[in-house]
Amino acid sequence: EIVRAPFLHKRTAVRGCVSSTKTFAGA
């Protein structure tokens, strides 16, 4: 969902807890 969001929306922000792999998804 994180990786797909910018292809669907002009702006994307991701909120989540520590160590939830947000940075990996960002890479």
PDB file of all heavy atoms in Angstrom:
ATOM      1  N   GLU A   1       0.822  -1.206   0.000  1.00  0.00           N
ATOM      2  CA  GLU A   1       0.000   0.000   0.000  1.00  0.00           C
ATOM      3  C   GLU A   1       0.863   1.266   0.000  1.00  0.00           C
ATOM      4  O   GLU A   1       0.589   2.221  -0.733  1.00  0.00           O
ATOM      5  CB  GLU A   1      -0.915  -0.007   1.235  1.00  0.00           C
ATOM      6  CG  GLU A   1      -1.865   1.136   1.321  1.00  0.00           C
ATOM      7  CD  GLU A   1      -2.705   1.095   2.592  1.00  0.00           C
ATOM      8  OE1 GLU A   1      -2.874   0.016   3.193  1.00  0.00           O
ATOM      9  OE2 GLU A   1      -3.177   2.181   2.995  1.00  0.00           O
ATOM     10  N   ILE A   2       1.924   1.254   0.796  1.00  0.00           N
ATOM     11  CA  ILE A   2       2.851   2.398   0.861  1.00  0.00           C
ATOM     12  C   ILE A   2       3.510   2.616  -0.496  1.00  0.00           C
ATOM     13  O   ILE A   2       3.597   3.739  -0.993  1.00  0.00           O
ATOM     14  CB  ILE A   2       3.918   2.179   1.957  1.00  0.00           C
ATOM     15  CG1 ILE A   2       3.284   2.247   3.344  1.00  0.00           C
ATOM     16  CG2 ILE A   2       5.053   3.192   1.832  1.00  0.00           C
ATOM     17  CD1 ILE A   2       4.200   1.766   4.472  1.00  0.00           C
ATOM     18  N   VAL A   3       3.979   1.538  -1.101  1.00  0.00           N
ATOM     19  CA  VAL A   3       4.694   1.631  -2.376  1.00  0.00           C
ATOM     20  C   VAL A   3       3.748   2.054  -3.507  1.00  0.00           C
ATOM     21  O   VAL A   3       4.150   2.757  -4.427  1.00  0.00           O
ATOM     22  CB  VAL A   3       5.399   0.286  -2.685  1.00  0.00           C
ATOM     23  CG1 VAL A   3       5.981   0.274  -4.072  1.00  0.00           C
ATOM     24  CG2 VAL A   3       6.485   0.021  -1.653  1.00  0.00           C
ATOM     25  N   ARG A   4       2.501   1.686  -3.433  1.00  0.00           N
ATOM     26  CA  ARG A   4       1.526   2.012  -4.487  1.00  0.00           C
ATOM     27  C   ARG A   4       0.973   3.427  -4.367  1.00  0.00           C
ATOM     28  O   ARG A   4       0.626   4.057  -5.374  1.00  0.00           O
ATOM     29  CB  ARG A   4       0.372   0.990  -4.414  1.00  0.00           C
ATOM     30  CG  ARG A   4      -0.687   1.189  -5.450  1.00  0.00           C
ATOM     31  CD  ARG A   4      -0.242   0.622  -6.783  1.00  0.00           C
ATOM     32  NE  ARG A   4      -1.334   0.717  -7.737  1.00  0.00           N
ATOM     33  CZ  ARG A   4      -1.258   1.416  -8.857  1.00  0.00           C
ATOM     34  NH1 ARG A   4      -0.158   2.040  -9.178  1.00  0.00           N
ATOM     35  NH2 ARG A   4      -2.264   1.474  -9.679  1.00  0.00           N
ATOM     36  N   ALA A   5       0.877   3.949  -3.143  1.00  0.00           N
ATOM     37  CA  ALA A   5       0.208   5.230  -2.891  1.00  0.00           C
ATOM     38  C   ALA A   5       0.693   6.399  -3.755  1.00  0.00           C
ATOM     39  O   ALA A   5      -0.134   7.119  -4.317  1.00  0.00           O
ATOM     40  CB  ALA A   5       0.296   5.579  -1.411  1.00  0.00           C
ATOM     41  N   PRO A   6       1.990   6.635  -3.910  1.00  0.00           N
ATOM     42  CA  PRO A   6       2.408   7.784  -4.730  1.00  0.00           C
ATOM     43  C   PRO A   6       2.028   7.681  -6.205  1.00  0.00           C
ATOM     44  O   PRO A   6       1.950   8.692  -6.894  1.00  0.00           O
ATOM     45  CB  PRO A   6       3.929   7.802  -4.566  1.00  0.00           C
ATOM     46  CG  PRO A   6       4.165   7.109  -3.271  1.00  0.00           C
ATOM     47  CD  PRO A   6       3.116   6.046  -3.208  1.00  0.00           C
ATOM     48  N   PHE A   7       1.783   6.470  -6.685  1.00  0.00           N
ATOM     49  CA  PHE A   7       1.344   6.308  -8.070  1.00  0.00           C
ATOM     50  C   PHE A   7      -0.134   6.663  -8.219  1.00  0.00           C
ATOM     51  O   PHE A   7      -0.606   6.892  -9.318  1.00  0.00           O
ATOM     52  CB  PHE A   7       1.594   4.873  -8.543  1.00  0.00           C
ATOM     53  CG  PHE A   7       3.050   4.548  -8.711  1.00  0.00           C
ATOM     54  CD1 PHE A   7       3.753   3.901  -7.705  1.00  0.00           C
ATOM     55  CD2 PHE A   7       3.733   4.903  -9.870  1.00  0.00           C
ATOM     56  CE1 PHE A   7       5.102   3.607  -7.854  1.00  0.00           C
ATOM     57  CE2 PHE A   7       5.080   4.610 -10.027  1.00  0.00           C
ATOM     58  CZ  PHE A   7       5.766   3.972  -9.014  1.00  0.00           C
ATOM     59  N   LEU A   8      -0.851   6.699  -7.091  1.00  0.00           N
ATOM     60  CA  LEU A   8      -2.282   6.988  -7.108  1.00  0.00           C
ATOM     61  C   LEU A   8      -2.632   8.392  -6.617  1.00  0.00           C
ATOM     62  O   LEU A   8      -3.683   8.915  -6.969  1.00  0.00           O
ATOM     63  CB  LEU A   8      -3.033   5.967  -6.232  1.00  0.00           C
ATOM     64  CG  LEU A   8      -2.906   4.505  -6.636  1.00  0.00           C
ATOM     65  CD1 LEU A   8      -3.568   3.623  -5.583  1.00  0.00           C
ATOM     66  CD2 LEU A   8      -3.513   4.280  -8.004  1.00  0.00           C
ATOM     67  N   HIS A   9      -1.778   8.965  -5.770  1.00  0.00           N
ATOM     68  CA  HIS A   9      -2.074  10.237  -5.117  1.00  0.00           C
ATOM     69  C   HIS A   9      -0.918  11.217  -5.285  1.00  0.00           C
ATOM     70  O   HIS A   9       0.240  10.812  -5.303  1.00  0.00           O
ATOM     71  CB  HIS A   9      -2.332  10.024  -3.623  1.00  0.00           C
ATOM     72  CG  HIS A   9      -3.340   8.956  -3.351  1.00  0.00           C
ATOM     73  ND1 HIS A   9      -4.682   9.118  -3.583  1.00  0.00           N
ATOM     74  CD2 HIS A   9      -3.200   7.691  -2.886  1.00  0.00           C
ATOM     75  CE1 HIS A   9      -5.331   8.014  -3.253  1.00  0.00           C
ATOM     76  NE2 HIS A   9      -4.451   7.119  -2.842  1.00  0.00           N
ATOM     77  N   LYS A  10      -1.250  12.489  -5.361  1.00  0.00           N
ATOM     78  CA  LYS A  10      -0.226  13.518  -5.536  1.00  0.00           C
ATOM     79  C   LYS A  10       0.690  13.629  -4.314  1.00  0.00           C
ATOM     80  O   LYS A  10       1.884  13.875  -4.448  1.00  0.00           O
ATOM     81  CB  LYS A  10      -0.885  14.864  -5.824  1.00  0.00           C
ATOM     82  CG  LYS A  10       0.094  15.938  -6.169  1.00  0.00           C
ATOM     83  CD  LYS A  10      -0.598  17.197  -6.643  1.00  0.00           C
ATOM     84  CE  LYS A  10       0.452  18.234  -6.953  1.00  0.00           C
ATOM     85  NZ  LYS A  10       0.068  19.099  -8.039  1.00  0.00           N
ATOM     86  N   ARG A  11       0.128  13.468  -3.113  1.00  0.00           N
ATOM     87  CA  ARG A  11       0.920  13.536  -1.881  1.00  0.00           C
ATOM     88  C   ARG A  11       0.694  12.280  -1.063  1.00  0.00           C
ATOM     89  O   ARG A  11      -0.425  11.789  -0.987  1.00  0.00           O
ATOM     90  CB  ARG A  11       0.534  14.749  -1.046  1.00  0.00           C
ATOM     91  CG  ARG A  11       0.968  16.030  -1.685  1.00  0.00           C
ATOM     92  CD  ARG A  11       0.635  17.183  -0.783  1.00  0.00           C
ATOM     93  NE  ARG A  11       1.144  18.392  -1.394  1.00  0.00           N
ATOM     94  CZ  ARG A  11       1.576  19.416  -0.719  1.00  0.00           C
ATOM     95  NH1 ARG A  11       1.544  19.411   0.589  1.00  0.00           N
ATOM     96  NH2 ARG A  11       2.025  20.462  -1.341  1.00  0.00           N
ATOM     97  N   THR A  12       1.758  11.813  -0.447  1.00  0.00           N
ATOM     98  CA  THR A  12       1.661  10.619   0.388  1.00  0.00           C
ATOM     99  C   THR A  12       2.443  10.851   1.671  1.00  0.00           C
ATOM    100  O   THR A  12       3.579  11.301   1.636  1.00  0.00           O
ATOM    101  CB  THR A  12       2.255   9.391  -0.341  1.00  0.00           C
ATOM    102  OG1 THR A  12       1.532   9.182  -1.544  1.00  0.00           O
ATOM    103  CG2 THR A  12       2.180   8.148   0.514  1.00  0.00           C
ATOM    104  N   ALA A  13       1.831  10.541   2.787  1.00  0.00           N
ATOM    105  CA  ALA A  13       2.496  10.575   4.093  1.00  0.00           C
ATOM    106  C   ALA A  13       2.223   9.234   4.759  1.00  0.00           C
ATOM    107  O   ALA A  13       1.128   8.689   4.648  1.00  0.00           O
ATOM    108  CB  ALA A  13       1.965  11.710   4.944  1.00  0.00           C
ATOM    109  N   VAL A  14       3.225   8.715   5.440  1.00  0.00           N
ATOM    110  CA  VAL A  14       3.078   7.414   6.086  1.00  0.00           C
ATOM    111  C   VAL A  14       3.374   7.581   7.566  1.00  0.00           C
ATOM    112  O   VAL A  14       4.441   8.051   7.947  1.00  0.00           O
ATOM    113  CB  VAL A  14       4.045   6.372   5.473  1.00  0.00           C
ATOM    114  CG1 VAL A  14       3.927   5.045   6.194  1.00  0.00           C
ATOM    115  CG2 VAL A  14       3.775   6.222   3.990  1.00  0.00           C
ATOM    116  N   ARG A  15       2.404   7.199   8.361  1.00  0.00           N
ATOM    117  CA  ARG A  15       2.582   7.243   9.803  1.00  0.00           C
ATOM    118  C   ARG A  15       2.595   5.809  10.300  1.00  0.00           C
ATOM    119  O   ARG A  15       1.810   4.975   9.838  1.00  0.00           O
ATOM    120  CB  ARG A  15       1.431   8.006  10.446  1.00  0.00           C
ATOM    121  CG  ARG A  15       1.602   8.167  11.914  1.00  0.00           C
ATOM    122  CD  ARG A  15       0.508   8.918  12.611  1.00  0.00           C
ATOM    123  NE  ARG A  15      -0.568   9.382  11.769  1.00  0.00           N
ATOM    124  CZ  ARG A  15      -1.604  10.054  12.236  1.00  0.00           C
ATOM    125  NH1 ARG A  15      -1.699  10.337  13.500  1.00  0.00           N
ATOM    126  NH2 ARG A  15      -2.562  10.454  11.428  1.00  0.00           N
ATOM    127  N   GLY A  16       3.471   5.508  11.235  1.00  0.00           N
ATOM    128  CA  GLY A  16       3.525   4.147  11.760  1.00  0.00           C
ATOM    129  C   GLY A  16       4.445   4.066  12.952  1.00  0.00           C
ATOM    130  O   GLY A  16       5.180   5.005  13.264  1.00  0.00           O
ATOM    131  N   CYS A  17       4.403   2.929  13.590  1.00  0.00           N
ATOM    132  CA  CYS A  17       5.228   2.730  14.774  1.00  0.00           C
ATOM    133  C   CYS A  17       6.691   2.478  14.387  1.00  0.00           C
ATOM    134  O   CYS A  17       7.021   2.320  13.221  1.00  0.00           O
ATOM    135  CB  CYS A  17       4.679   1.562  15.579  1.00  0.00           C
ATOM    136  SG  CYS A  17       4.701   0.003  14.673  1.00  0.00           S
ATOM    137  N   VAL A  18       7.536   2.405  15.388  1.00  0.00           N
ATOM    138  CA  VAL A  18       8.957   2.135  15.196  1.00  0.00           C
ATOM    139  C   VAL A  18       9.121   0.709  14.674  1.00  0.00           C
ATOM    140  O   VAL A  18       8.399  -0.204  15.058  1.00  0.00           O
ATOM    141  CB  VAL A  18       9.709   2.318  16.536  1.00  0.00           C
ATOM    142  CG1 VAL A  18      11.172   1.918  16.404  1.00  0.00           C
ATOM    143  CG2 VAL A  18       9.592   3.748  17.008  1.00  0.00           C
ATOM    144  N   SER A  19      10.072   0.525  13.775  1.00  0.00           N
ATOM    145  CA  SER A  19      10.419  -0.791  13.214  1.00  0.00           C
ATOM    146  C   SER A  19       9.266  -1.457  12.474  1.00  0.00           C
ATOM    147  O   SER A  19       9.113  -2.669  12.513  1.00  0.00           O
ATOM    148  CB  SER A  19      10.935  -1.722  14.313  1.00  0.00           C
ATOM    149  OG  SER A  19      12.123  -1.208  14.856  1.00  0.00           O
ATOM    150  N   SER A  20       8.472  -0.673  11.777  1.00  0.00           N
ATOM    151  CA  SER A  20       7.356  -1.249  11.027  1.00  0.00           C
ATOM    152  C   SER A  20       7.675  -1.360   9.538  1.00  0.00           C
ATOM    153  O   SER A  20       6.776  -1.559   8.738  1.00  0.00           O
ATOM    154  CB  SER A  20       6.090  -0.421  11.237  1.00  0.00           C
ATOM    155  OG  SER A  20       6.295   0.901  10.785  1.00  0.00           O
ATOM    156  N   THR A  21       8.927  -1.220   9.162  1.00  0.00           N
ATOM    157  CA  THR A  21       9.461  -1.362   7.802  1.00  0.00           C
ATOM    158  C   THR A  21       9.022  -0.262   6.843  1.00  0.00           C
ATOM    159  O   THR A  21       9.005  -0.447   5.640  1.00  0.00           O
ATOM    160  CB  THR A  21       9.154  -2.751   7.195  1.00  0.00           C
ATOM    161  OG1 THR A  21       7.768  -2.867   6.940  1.00  0.00           O
ATOM    162  CG2 THR A  21       9.635  -3.878   8.084  1.00  0.00           C
ATOM    163  N   LYS A  22       8.695   0.903   7.375  1.00  0.00           N
ATOM    164  CA  LYS A  22       8.351   2.046   6.519  1.00  0.00           C
ATOM    165  C   LYS A  22       9.555   2.461   5.675  1.00  0.00           C
ATOM    166  O   LYS A  22       9.404   2.765   4.495  1.00  0.00           O
ATOM    167  CB  LYS A  22       7.888   3.238   7.366  1.00  0.00           C
ATOM    168  CG  LYS A  22       6.645   2.993   8.179  1.00  0.00           C
ATOM    169  CD  LYS A  22       6.261   4.199   9.008  1.00  0.00           C
ATOM    170  CE  LYS A  22       7.320   4.709   9.941  1.00  0.00           C
ATOM    171  NZ  LYS A  22       7.685   3.863  11.061  1.00  0.00           N
ATOM    172  N   THR A  23      10.727   2.472   6.258  1.00  0.00           N
ATOM    173  CA  THR A  23      11.924   2.893   5.535  1.00  0.00           C
ATOM    174  C   THR A  23      12.263   1.912   4.424  1.00  0.00           C
ATOM    175  O   THR A  23      12.640   2.321   3.328  1.00  0.00           O
ATOM    176  CB  THR A  23      13.119   3.047   6.501  1.00  0.00           C
ATOM    177  OG1 THR A  23      12.735   3.958   7.534  1.00  0.00           O
ATOM    178  CG2 THR A  23      14.335   3.589   5.791  1.00  0.00           C
ATOM    179  N   PHE A  24      12.122   0.624   4.683  1.00  0.00           N
ATOM    180  CA  PHE A  24      12.350  -0.376   3.644  1.00  0.00           C
ATOM    181  C   PHE A  24      11.381  -0.156   2.491  1.00  0.00           C
ATOM    182  O   PHE A  24      11.775  -0.167   1.322  1.00  0.00           O
ATOM    183  CB  PHE A  24      12.207  -1.790   4.206  1.00  0.00           C
ATOM    184  CG  PHE A  24      12.353  -2.847   3.161  1.00  0.00           C
ATOM    185  CD1 PHE A  24      13.604  -3.197   2.693  1.00  0.00           C
ATOM    186  CD2 PHE A  24      11.237  -3.464   2.621  1.00  0.00           C
ATOM    187  CE1 PHE A  24      13.752  -4.164   1.705  1.00  0.00           C
ATOM    188  CE2 PHE A  24      11.367  -4.431   1.638  1.00  0.00           C
ATOM    189  CZ  PHE A  24      12.625  -4.784   1.180  1.00  0.00           C
ATOM    190  N   ALA A  25      10.111   0.051   2.807  1.00  0.00           N
ATOM    191  CA  ALA A  25       9.111   0.308   1.770  1.00  0.00           C
ATOM    192  C   ALA A  25       9.472   1.579   1.004  1.00  0.00           C
ATOM    193  O   ALA A  25       9.301   1.655  -0.217  1.00  0.00           O
ATOM    194  CB  ALA A  25       7.715   0.420   2.377  1.00  0.00           C
ATOM    195  N   GLY A  26       9.990   2.585   1.707  1.00  0.00           N
ATOM    196  CA  GLY A  26      10.418   3.821   1.054  1.00  0.00           C
ATOM    197  C   GLY A  26      11.565   3.597   0.079  1.00  0.00           C
ATOM    198  O   GLY A  26      11.622   4.215  -0.982  1.00  0.00           O
ATOM    199  N   ALA A  27      12.474   2.700   0.428  1.00  0.00           N
ATOM    200  CA  ALA A  27      13.592   2.384  -0.471  1.00  0.00           C
ATOM    201  C   ALA A  27      13.087   1.660  -1.723  1.00  0.00           C
ATOM    202  O   ALA A  27      13.500   1.978  -2.845  1.00  0.00           O
ATOM    203  CB  ALA A  27      14.632   1.543   0.261  1.00  0.00           C
TER     204      ALA A  27
END
